[in-house]
């Protein structure tokens, strides 16, 4: 009886563990970036709402709930809070008088722009310290991960397709 998993399974497990550890480190960097951008308290769930609205401008609460996998009442409460912060606005739908569309405000867009810039700066500081070969390998790995995610049909897989991964080997 062979108790060792086959090499490809073992490699997948090692890659999974490495990815989990990396994600945990990125979460720490992400929180630092969020703290540096604004003193406005935005939870991780509310940030997911902002990202979703950035990708799918003008969607309904129902559609947003489907993207987030959340119940309409909780999505509505999150949008209430974000609206109170000035990040989101609800506007009447041009298609149906009974529906409202969700939009990021200029303040919400600026928050995301600043947050992304802060996070990219933190990543760049780390990636710039990598060798060119390591950066190329990272890019290949991230590209492969993104392709596998898109092929899986995961809800967030279509996110930001207007900004595909770029070659960072010369960075």
C-alpha atoms as a PDB file:
ATOM      1  CA  UNK A   1       0.000   0.000   0.000  1.00  0.00           C
ATOM      2  CA  UNK A   2       1.440   3.330  -1.101  1.00  0.00           C
ATOM      3  CA  UNK A   3       0.821   6.068   1.465  1.00  0.00           C
ATOM      4  CA  UNK A   4       2.650   8.767  -0.498  1.00  0.00           C
ATOM      5  CA  UNK A   5       0.528  10.738  -2.932  1.00  0.00           C
ATOM      6  CA  UNK A   6       1.667  10.707  -6.543  1.00  0.00           C
ATOM      7  CA  UNK A   7       4.192  13.418  -7.473  1.00  0.00           C
ATOM      8  CA  UNK A   8       1.717  15.617  -9.368  1.00  0.00           C
ATOM      9  CA  UNK A   9      -0.704  15.581  -6.425  1.00  0.00           C
ATOM     10  CA  UNK A  10       2.140  16.338  -4.018  1.00  0.00           C
ATOM     11  CA  UNK A  11       3.241  19.268  -6.225  1.00  0.00           C
ATOM     12  CA  UNK A  12      -0.323  20.574  -6.316  1.00  0.00           C
ATOM     13  CA  UNK A  13      -0.517  20.343  -2.523  1.00  0.00           C
ATOM     14  CA  UNK A  14       2.801  22.183  -2.151  1.00  0.00           C
ATOM     15  CA  UNK A  15       1.680  24.882  -4.589  1.00  0.00           C
ATOM     16  CA  UNK A  16      -1.604  25.212  -2.710  1.00  0.00           C
ATOM     17  CA  UNK A  17       0.187  25.590   0.606  1.00  0.00           C
ATOM     18  CA  UNK A  18       2.591  28.139  -0.905  1.00  0.00           C
ATOM     19  CA  UNK A  19      -0.318  30.095  -2.399  1.00  0.00           C
ATOM     20  CA  UNK A  20      -2.171  30.091   0.934  1.00  0.00           C
ATOM     21  CA  UNK A  21       0.911  31.396   2.739  1.00  0.00           C
ATOM     22  CA  UNK A  22       1.416  34.067   0.078  1.00  0.00           C
ATOM     23  CA  UNK A  23      -2.232  35.133   0.304  1.00  0.00           C
ATOM     24  CA  UNK A  24      -1.902  35.501   4.066  1.00  0.00           C
ATOM     25  CA  UNK A  25       1.134  37.756   3.571  1.00  0.00           C
ATOM     26  CA  UNK A  26      -0.697  39.730   0.887  1.00  0.00           C
ATOM     27  CA  UNK A  27      -3.620  40.223   3.257  1.00  0.00           C
ATOM     28  CA  UNK A  28      -1.245  41.907   5.694  1.00  0.00           C
ATOM     29  CA  UNK A  29       0.088  44.147   2.900  1.00  0.00           C
ATOM     30  CA  UNK A  30      -3.459  44.849   1.721  1.00  0.00           C
ATOM     31  CA  UNK A  31      -4.577  45.930   5.176  1.00  0.00           C
ATOM     32  CA  UNK A  32      -1.593  48.254   5.475  1.00  0.00           C
ATOM     33  CA  UNK A  33      -2.499  49.761   2.121  1.00  0.00           C
ATOM     34  CA  UNK A  34      -6.121  50.215   3.143  1.00  0.00           C
ATOM     35  CA  UNK A  35      -5.094  51.866   6.407  1.00  0.00           C
ATOM     36  CA  UNK A  36      -2.787  54.273   4.538  1.00  0.00           C
ATOM     37  CA  UNK A  37      -5.396  55.327   1.971  1.00  0.00           C
ATOM     38  CA  UNK A  38      -8.148  56.513   4.263  1.00  0.00           C
ATOM     39  CA  UNK A  39      -9.307  56.640   7.803  1.00  0.00           C
ATOM     40  CA  UNK A  40     -12.747  55.628   6.503  1.00  0.00           C
ATOM     41  CA  UNK A  41     -13.540  52.186   7.871  1.00  0.00           C
ATOM     42  CA  UNK A  42     -14.420  49.877   4.984  1.00  0.00           C
ATOM     43  CA  UNK A  43     -14.788  46.199   5.807  1.00  0.00           C
ATOM     44  CA  UNK A  44     -13.498  43.443   3.535  1.00  0.00           C
ATOM     45  CA  UNK A  45     -17.098  42.678   2.513  1.00  0.00           C
ATOM     46  CA  UNK A  46     -17.767  46.308   1.676  1.00  0.00           C
ATOM     47  CA  UNK A  47     -14.542  46.410  -0.326  1.00  0.00           C
ATOM     48  CA  UNK A  48     -15.804  43.429  -2.345  1.00  0.00           C
ATOM     49  CA  UNK A  49     -18.921  45.487  -3.100  1.00  0.00           C
ATOM     50  CA  UNK A  50     -16.770  48.381  -4.312  1.00  0.00           C
ATOM     51  CA  UNK A  51     -14.710  46.071  -6.525  1.00  0.00           C
ATOM     52  CA  UNK A  52     -17.878  44.502  -7.941  1.00  0.00           C
ATOM     53  CA  UNK A  53     -19.401  47.891  -8.729  1.00  0.00           C
ATOM     54  CA  UNK A  54     -16.156  48.982 -10.342  1.00  0.00           C
ATOM     55  CA  UNK A  55     -16.371  45.989 -12.703  1.00  0.00           C
ATOM     56  CA  UNK A  56     -20.142  45.985 -13.197  1.00  0.00           C
ATOM     57  CA  UNK A  57     -21.236  49.619 -13.065  1.00  0.00           C
ATOM     58  CA  UNK A  58     -24.990  50.120 -12.775  1.00  0.00           C
ATOM     59  CA  UNK A  59     -25.994  46.653 -11.570  1.00  0.00           C
ATOM     60  CA  UNK A  60     -28.981  45.961  -9.347  1.00  0.00           C
ATOM     61  CA  UNK A  61     -28.903  44.793  -5.729  1.00  0.00           C
ATOM     62  CA  UNK A  62     -30.082  41.362  -6.869  1.00  0.00           C
ATOM     63  CA  UNK A  63     -27.247  41.043  -9.399  1.00  0.00           C
ATOM     64  CA  UNK A  64     -24.720  42.266  -6.843  1.00  0.00           C
ATOM     65  CA  UNK A  65     -26.000  39.722  -4.340  1.00  0.00           C
ATOM     66  CA  UNK A  66     -25.511  36.991  -6.948  1.00  0.00           C
ATOM     67  CA  UNK A  67     -21.942  38.111  -7.641  1.00  0.00           C
ATOM     68  CA  UNK A  68     -21.126  38.165  -3.938  1.00  0.00           C
ATOM     69  CA  UNK A  69     -23.094  35.053  -3.032  1.00  0.00           C
ATOM     70  CA  UNK A  70     -24.936  37.084  -0.395  1.00  0.00           C
ATOM     71  CA  UNK A  71     -28.584  37.474   0.550  1.00  0.00           C
ATOM     72  CA  UNK A  72     -30.336  40.664  -0.637  1.00  0.00           C
ATOM     73  CA  UNK A  73     -30.884  42.075   2.892  1.00  0.00           C
ATOM     74  CA  UNK A  74     -27.172  41.887   3.771  1.00  0.00           C
ATOM     75  CA  UNK A  75     -26.168  43.372   0.407  1.00  0.00           C
ATOM     76  CA  UNK A  76     -28.673  46.172   0.930  1.00  0.00           C
ATOM     77  CA  UNK A  77     -27.246  46.942   4.396  1.00  0.00           C
ATOM     78  CA  UNK A  78     -23.696  47.019   3.008  1.00  0.00           C
ATOM     79  CA  UNK A  79     -24.805  49.398   0.264  1.00  0.00           C
ATOM     80  CA  UNK A  80     -26.578  51.550   2.875  1.00  0.00           C
ATOM     81  CA  UNK A  81     -23.306  51.894   4.781  1.00  0.00           C
ATOM     82  CA  UNK A  82     -21.305  52.597   1.628  1.00  0.00           C
ATOM     83  CA  UNK A  83     -23.874  55.155   0.536  1.00  0.00           C
ATOM     84  CA  UNK A  84     -23.601  56.854   3.956  1.00  0.00           C
ATOM     85  CA  UNK A  85     -19.813  57.019   3.466  1.00  0.00           C
ATOM     86  CA  UNK A  86     -20.325  58.625   0.056  1.00  0.00           C
ATOM     87  CA  UNK A  87     -18.824  55.706  -1.899  1.00  0.00           C
ATOM     88  CA  UNK A  88     -21.996  54.379  -3.570  1.00  0.00           C
ATOM     89  CA  UNK A  89     -25.167  55.907  -4.944  1.00  0.00           C
ATOM     90  CA  UNK A  90     -28.429  54.318  -5.958  1.00  0.00           C
ATOM     91  CA  UNK A  91     -30.015  55.703  -9.102  1.00  0.00           C
ATOM     92  CA  UNK A  92     -33.284  54.875 -10.856  1.00  0.00           C
ATOM     93  CA  UNK A  93     -32.938  52.327 -13.636  1.00  0.00           C
ATOM     94  CA  UNK A  94     -33.685  53.609 -17.123  1.00  0.00           C
ATOM     95  CA  UNK A  95     -35.152  50.178 -17.895  1.00  0.00           C
ATOM     96  CA  UNK A  96     -37.540  49.727 -14.978  1.00  0.00           C
ATOM     97  CA  UNK A  97     -39.082  52.227 -12.575  1.00  0.00           C
ATOM     98  CA  UNK A  98     -39.107  49.527  -9.893  1.00  0.00           C
ATOM     99  CA  UNK A  99     -35.368  48.904 -10.029  1.00  0.00           C
ATOM    100  CA  UNK A 100     -32.412  50.868  -8.754  1.00  0.00           C
ATOM    101  CA  UNK A 101     -28.915  50.785 -10.184  1.00  0.00           C
ATOM    102  CA  UNK A 102     -25.805  50.896  -8.022  1.00  0.00           C
ATOM    103  CA  UNK A 103     -22.962  53.206  -9.006  1.00  0.00           C
ATOM    104  CA  UNK A 104     -19.653  54.191  -7.485  1.00  0.00           C
ATOM    105  CA  UNK A 105     -19.422  57.875  -6.688  1.00  0.00           C
ATOM    106  CA  UNK A 106     -16.374  59.939  -7.572  1.00  0.00           C
ATOM    107  CA  UNK A 107     -15.328  59.526  -3.926  1.00  0.00           C
ATOM    108  CA  UNK A 108     -15.685  55.722  -4.195  1.00  0.00           C
ATOM    109  CA  UNK A 109     -13.680  55.627  -7.424  1.00  0.00           C
ATOM    110  CA  UNK A 110     -10.959  57.799  -5.892  1.00  0.00           C
ATOM    111  CA  UNK A 111     -10.811  55.505  -2.861  1.00  0.00           C
ATOM    112  CA  UNK A 112     -10.309  52.432  -5.080  1.00  0.00           C
ATOM    113  CA  UNK A 113      -7.762  54.231  -7.266  1.00  0.00           C
ATOM    114  CA  UNK A 114      -5.745  55.300  -4.205  1.00  0.00           C
ATOM    115  CA  UNK A 115      -6.048  51.868  -2.608  1.00  0.00           C
ATOM    116  CA  UNK A 116      -4.858  50.119  -5.753  1.00  0.00           C
ATOM    117  CA  UNK A 117      -1.958  52.538  -6.134  1.00  0.00           C
ATOM    118  CA  UNK A 118      -0.906  51.991  -2.523  1.00  0.00           C
ATOM    119  CA  UNK A 119      -1.100  48.222  -2.904  1.00  0.00           C
ATOM    120  CA  UNK A 120       0.781  48.251  -6.211  1.00  0.00           C
ATOM    121  CA  UNK A 121       3.502  50.333  -4.593  1.00  0.00           C
ATOM    122  CA  UNK A 122       3.840  47.785  -1.785  1.00  0.00           C
ATOM    123  CA  UNK A 123       3.973  44.919  -4.292  1.00  0.00           C
ATOM    124  CA  UNK A 124       6.447  46.731  -6.525  1.00  0.00           C
ATOM    125  CA  UNK A 125       8.793  47.195  -3.592  1.00  0.00           C
ATOM    126  CA  UNK A 126       8.873  43.429  -3.099  1.00  0.00           C
ATOM    127  CA  UNK A 127       8.850  42.386  -6.764  1.00  0.00           C
ATOM    128  CA  UNK A 128      11.627  44.849  -7.638  1.00  0.00           C
ATOM    129  CA  UNK A 129      13.857  42.916  -5.254  1.00  0.00           C
ATOM    130  CA  UNK A 130      13.333  39.685  -7.194  1.00  0.00           C
ATOM    131  CA  UNK A 131      15.634  38.481  -9.937  1.00  0.00           C
ATOM    132  CA  UNK A 132      14.442  38.833 -13.537  1.00  0.00           C
ATOM    133  CA  UNK A 133      14.048  35.043 -13.751  1.00  0.00           C
ATOM    134  CA  UNK A 134      11.921  34.986 -10.607  1.00  0.00           C
ATOM    135  CA  UNK A 135       9.729  37.804 -11.928  1.00  0.00           C
ATOM    136  CA  UNK A 136       9.215  35.908 -15.194  1.00  0.00           C
ATOM    137  CA  UNK A 137       8.350  32.744 -13.280  1.00  0.00           C
ATOM    138  CA  UNK A 138       5.933  34.693 -11.098  1.00  0.00           C
ATOM    139  CA  UNK A 139       4.264  36.174 -14.157  1.00  0.00           C
ATOM    140  CA  UNK A 140       3.972  32.744 -15.801  1.00  0.00           C
ATOM    141  CA  UNK A 141       2.495  31.304 -12.624  1.00  0.00           C
ATOM    142  CA  UNK A 142       0.028  34.144 -12.142  1.00  0.00           C
ATOM    143  CA  UNK A 143      -1.013  33.977 -15.799  1.00  0.00           C
ATOM    144  CA  UNK A 144      -1.596  30.230 -15.500  1.00  0.00           C
ATOM    145  CA  UNK A 145      -3.572  30.730 -12.297  1.00  0.00           C
ATOM    146  CA  UNK A 146      -5.724  33.425 -13.918  1.00  0.00           C
ATOM    147  CA  UNK A 147      -6.398  31.207 -16.953  1.00  0.00           C
ATOM    148  CA  UNK A 148      -7.365  28.258 -14.735  1.00  0.00           C
ATOM    149  CA  UNK A 149      -9.662  30.518 -12.723  1.00  0.00           C
ATOM    150  CA  UNK A 150     -11.343  31.786 -15.891  1.00  0.00           C
ATOM    151  CA  UNK A 151     -11.767  28.221 -17.194  1.00  0.00           C
ATOM    152  CA  UNK A 152     -13.317  27.137 -13.895  1.00  0.00           C
ATOM    153  CA  UNK A 153     -16.144  29.633 -14.367  1.00  0.00           C
ATOM    154  CA  UNK A 154     -15.615  31.060 -10.883  1.00  0.00           C
ATOM    155  CA  UNK A 155     -17.742  34.204 -10.322  1.00  0.00           C
ATOM    156  CA  UNK A 156     -14.762  36.525  -9.922  1.00  0.00           C
ATOM    157  CA  UNK A 157     -12.901  34.970 -12.866  1.00  0.00           C
ATOM    158  CA  UNK A 158     -14.103  37.604 -15.312  1.00  0.00           C
ATOM    159  CA  UNK A 159     -12.865  40.450 -13.144  1.00  0.00           C
ATOM    160  CA  UNK A 160     -10.686  43.146 -14.637  1.00  0.00           C
ATOM    161  CA  UNK A 161     -10.215  41.397 -17.987  1.00  0.00           C
ATOM    162  CA  UNK A 162      -9.540  44.824 -19.405  1.00  0.00           C
ATOM    163  CA  UNK A 163      -6.212  44.739 -17.530  1.00  0.00           C
ATOM    164  CA  UNK A 164      -4.508  41.428 -18.290  1.00  0.00           C
ATOM    165  CA  UNK A 165      -1.278  40.518 -16.547  1.00  0.00           C
ATOM    166  CA  UNK A 166       1.628  42.412 -18.018  1.00  0.00           C
ATOM    167  CA  UNK A 167       5.229  41.412 -18.486  1.00  0.00           C
ATOM    168  CA  UNK A 168       7.069  42.557 -15.381  1.00  0.00           C
ATOM    169  CA  UNK A 169      10.394  40.947 -16.240  1.00  0.00           C
ATOM    170  CA  UNK A 170      12.013  44.291 -16.973  1.00  0.00           C
ATOM    171  CA  UNK A 171      10.614  45.984 -13.853  1.00  0.00           C
END
